[in-house]
Amino acid sequence: MPDIKYDIIEEIGVLSENSKGWRKEVNLISWNGGEPKYDIRDWAPEHEKMGKGTTLTKEEILKLKEILNTIE
C-alpha cells in the first residue's frame, strides 16, 4: 500500500479517549497535499498511527451540524 501523507492543519477537538490513550478527534487535514477536509477518526498519542475514520467537506460538516442541532 502506498504511503498516505497527511498534514493536520487544525486540531479542532477531542470527542473521547480510551484506556490506551487513543483519542477520537475532529481535525482539519490535508491528505496527500489536497484541499483540507474535516476528519473524524481515532489517533494514537502523538498522531503516529491512525484508525479508520471519515472525511467531510465544509458543506458536509455544516449539514452534519444542522442535523445534530435537531437532536434533543
C-alpha atoms as a PDB file:
ATOM      1  CA  MET A   1       0.000   0.000   0.000  1.00  0.00           C
ATOM      2  CA  PRO A   2       1.393   3.439  -0.881  1.00  0.00           C
ATOM      3  CA  ASP A   3       2.272   5.854   1.886  1.00  0.00           C
ATOM      4  CA  ILE A   4      -0.519   8.209   2.834  1.00  0.00           C
ATOM      5  CA  LYS A   5       0.729  11.714   3.536  1.00  0.00           C
ATOM      6  CA  TYR A   6      -1.235  13.997   5.792  1.00  0.00           C
ATOM      7  CA  ASP A   7      -0.846  17.396   7.371  1.00  0.00           C
ATOM      8  CA  ILE A   8      -3.020  18.283  10.346  1.00  0.00           C
ATOM      9  CA  ILE A   9      -3.917  21.906   9.609  1.00  0.00           C
ATOM     10  CA  GLU A  10      -6.038  22.430  12.730  1.00  0.00           C
ATOM     11  CA  GLU A  11      -6.810  20.264  15.753  1.00  0.00           C
ATOM     12  CA  ILE A  12     -10.454  21.105  16.389  1.00  0.00           C
ATOM     13  CA  GLY A  13     -11.388  18.876  19.320  1.00  0.00           C
ATOM     14  CA  VAL A  14     -11.307  15.524  21.105  1.00  0.00           C
ATOM     15  CA  LEU A  15     -14.527  13.516  21.323  1.00  0.00           C
ATOM     16  CA  SER A  16     -13.230  10.736  23.582  1.00  0.00           C
ATOM     17  CA  GLU A  17     -10.119   8.903  24.786  1.00  0.00           C
ATOM     18  CA  ASN A  18      -9.708   5.204  25.526  1.00  0.00           C
ATOM     19  CA  SER A  19      -7.605   3.491  28.210  1.00  0.00           C
ATOM     20  CA  LYS A  20      -4.648   3.084  25.813  1.00  0.00           C
ATOM     21  CA  GLY A  21      -4.503   6.811  25.081  1.00  0.00           C
ATOM     22  CA  TRP A  22      -6.061   6.685  21.610  1.00  0.00           C
ATOM     23  CA  ARG A  23      -8.352   9.644  21.023  1.00  0.00           C
ATOM     24  CA  LYS A  24     -11.292  10.134  18.682  1.00  0.00           C
ATOM     25  CA  GLU A  25     -10.572  13.569  17.225  1.00  0.00           C
ATOM     26  CA  VAL A  26     -12.081  16.124  14.883  1.00  0.00           C
ATOM     27  CA  ASN A  27      -9.348  17.764  12.797  1.00  0.00           C
ATOM     28  CA  LEU A  28      -8.884  19.721   9.593  1.00  0.00           C
ATOM     29  CA  ILE A  29      -6.465  17.632   7.499  1.00  0.00           C
ATOM     30  CA  SER A  30      -4.835  17.890   4.086  1.00  0.00           C
ATOM     31  CA  TRP A  31      -4.493  14.368   2.643  1.00  0.00           C
ATOM     32  CA  ASN A  32      -1.716  13.838   0.073  1.00  0.00           C
ATOM     33  CA  GLY A  33      -1.381  17.589  -0.481  1.00  0.00           C
ATOM     34  CA  GLY A  34      -5.058  18.054  -1.322  1.00  0.00           C
ATOM     35  CA  GLU A  35      -7.589  20.620  -0.149  1.00  0.00           C
ATOM     36  CA  PRO A  36      -8.027  20.359   3.653  1.00  0.00           C
ATOM     37  CA  LYS A  37     -11.120  18.467   4.808  1.00  0.00           C
ATOM     38  CA  TYR A  38     -12.741  17.841   8.166  1.00  0.00           C
ATOM     39  CA  ASP A  39     -11.822  14.457   9.561  1.00  0.00           C
ATOM     40  CA  ILE A  40     -13.167  12.313  12.409  1.00  0.00           C
ATOM     41  CA  ARG A  41     -11.048   9.307  13.412  1.00  0.00           C
ATOM     42  CA  ASP A  42      -9.083   7.607  16.192  1.00  0.00           C
ATOM     43  CA  TRP A  43      -5.461   8.651  16.673  1.00  0.00           C
ATOM     44  CA  ALA A  44      -2.662   7.156  18.735  1.00  0.00           C
ATOM     45  CA  PRO A  45      -0.824   9.516  21.074  1.00  0.00           C
ATOM     46  CA  GLU A  46       1.425  11.913  19.111  1.00  0.00           C
ATOM     47  CA  HIS A  47      -0.553  11.109  15.916  1.00  0.00           C
ATOM     48  CA  GLU A  48       1.930   8.380  14.896  1.00  0.00           C
ATOM     49  CA  LYS A  49      -0.873   5.912  13.983  1.00  0.00           C
ATOM     50  CA  MET A  50      -4.489   6.313  12.943  1.00  0.00           C
ATOM     51  CA  GLY A  51      -7.630   4.223  12.809  1.00  0.00           C
ATOM     52  CA  LYS A  52     -10.393   4.225  10.247  1.00  0.00           C
ATOM     53  CA  GLY A  53     -12.409   7.387  10.018  1.00  0.00           C
ATOM     54  CA  THR A  54     -14.472   9.625   7.819  1.00  0.00           C
ATOM     55  CA  THR A  55     -13.577  12.777   5.917  1.00  0.00           C
ATOM     56  CA  LEU A  56     -16.075  15.547   5.216  1.00  0.00           C
ATOM     57  CA  THR A  57     -16.083  18.674   3.077  1.00  0.00           C
ATOM     58  CA  LYS A  58     -17.038  22.004   4.653  1.00  0.00           C
ATOM     59  CA  GLU A  59     -20.529  21.676   3.145  1.00  0.00           C
ATOM     60  CA  GLU A  60     -20.921  18.175   4.615  1.00  0.00           C
ATOM     61  CA  ILE A  61     -19.732  19.227   8.079  1.00  0.00           C
ATOM     62  CA  LEU A  62     -22.175  22.166   8.065  1.00  0.00           C
ATOM     63  CA  LYS A  63     -25.004  19.800   7.070  1.00  0.00           C
ATOM     64  CA  LEU A  64     -23.960  17.412   9.855  1.00  0.00           C
ATOM     65  CA  LYS A  65     -24.033  20.322  12.314  1.00  0.00           C
ATOM     66  CA  GLU A  66     -27.543  21.194  11.123  1.00  0.00           C
ATOM     67  CA  ILE A  67     -28.685  17.602  11.609  1.00  0.00           C
ATOM     68  CA  LEU A  68     -27.089  17.308  15.062  1.00  0.00           C
ATOM     69  CA  ASN A  69     -28.777  20.540  16.166  1.00  0.00           C
ATOM     70  CA  THR A  70     -32.154  18.779  15.768  1.00  0.00           C
ATOM     71  CA  ILE A  71     -31.269  16.233  18.466  1.00  0.00           C
ATOM     72  CA  GLU A  72     -32.729  16.994  21.884  1.00  0.00           C
END
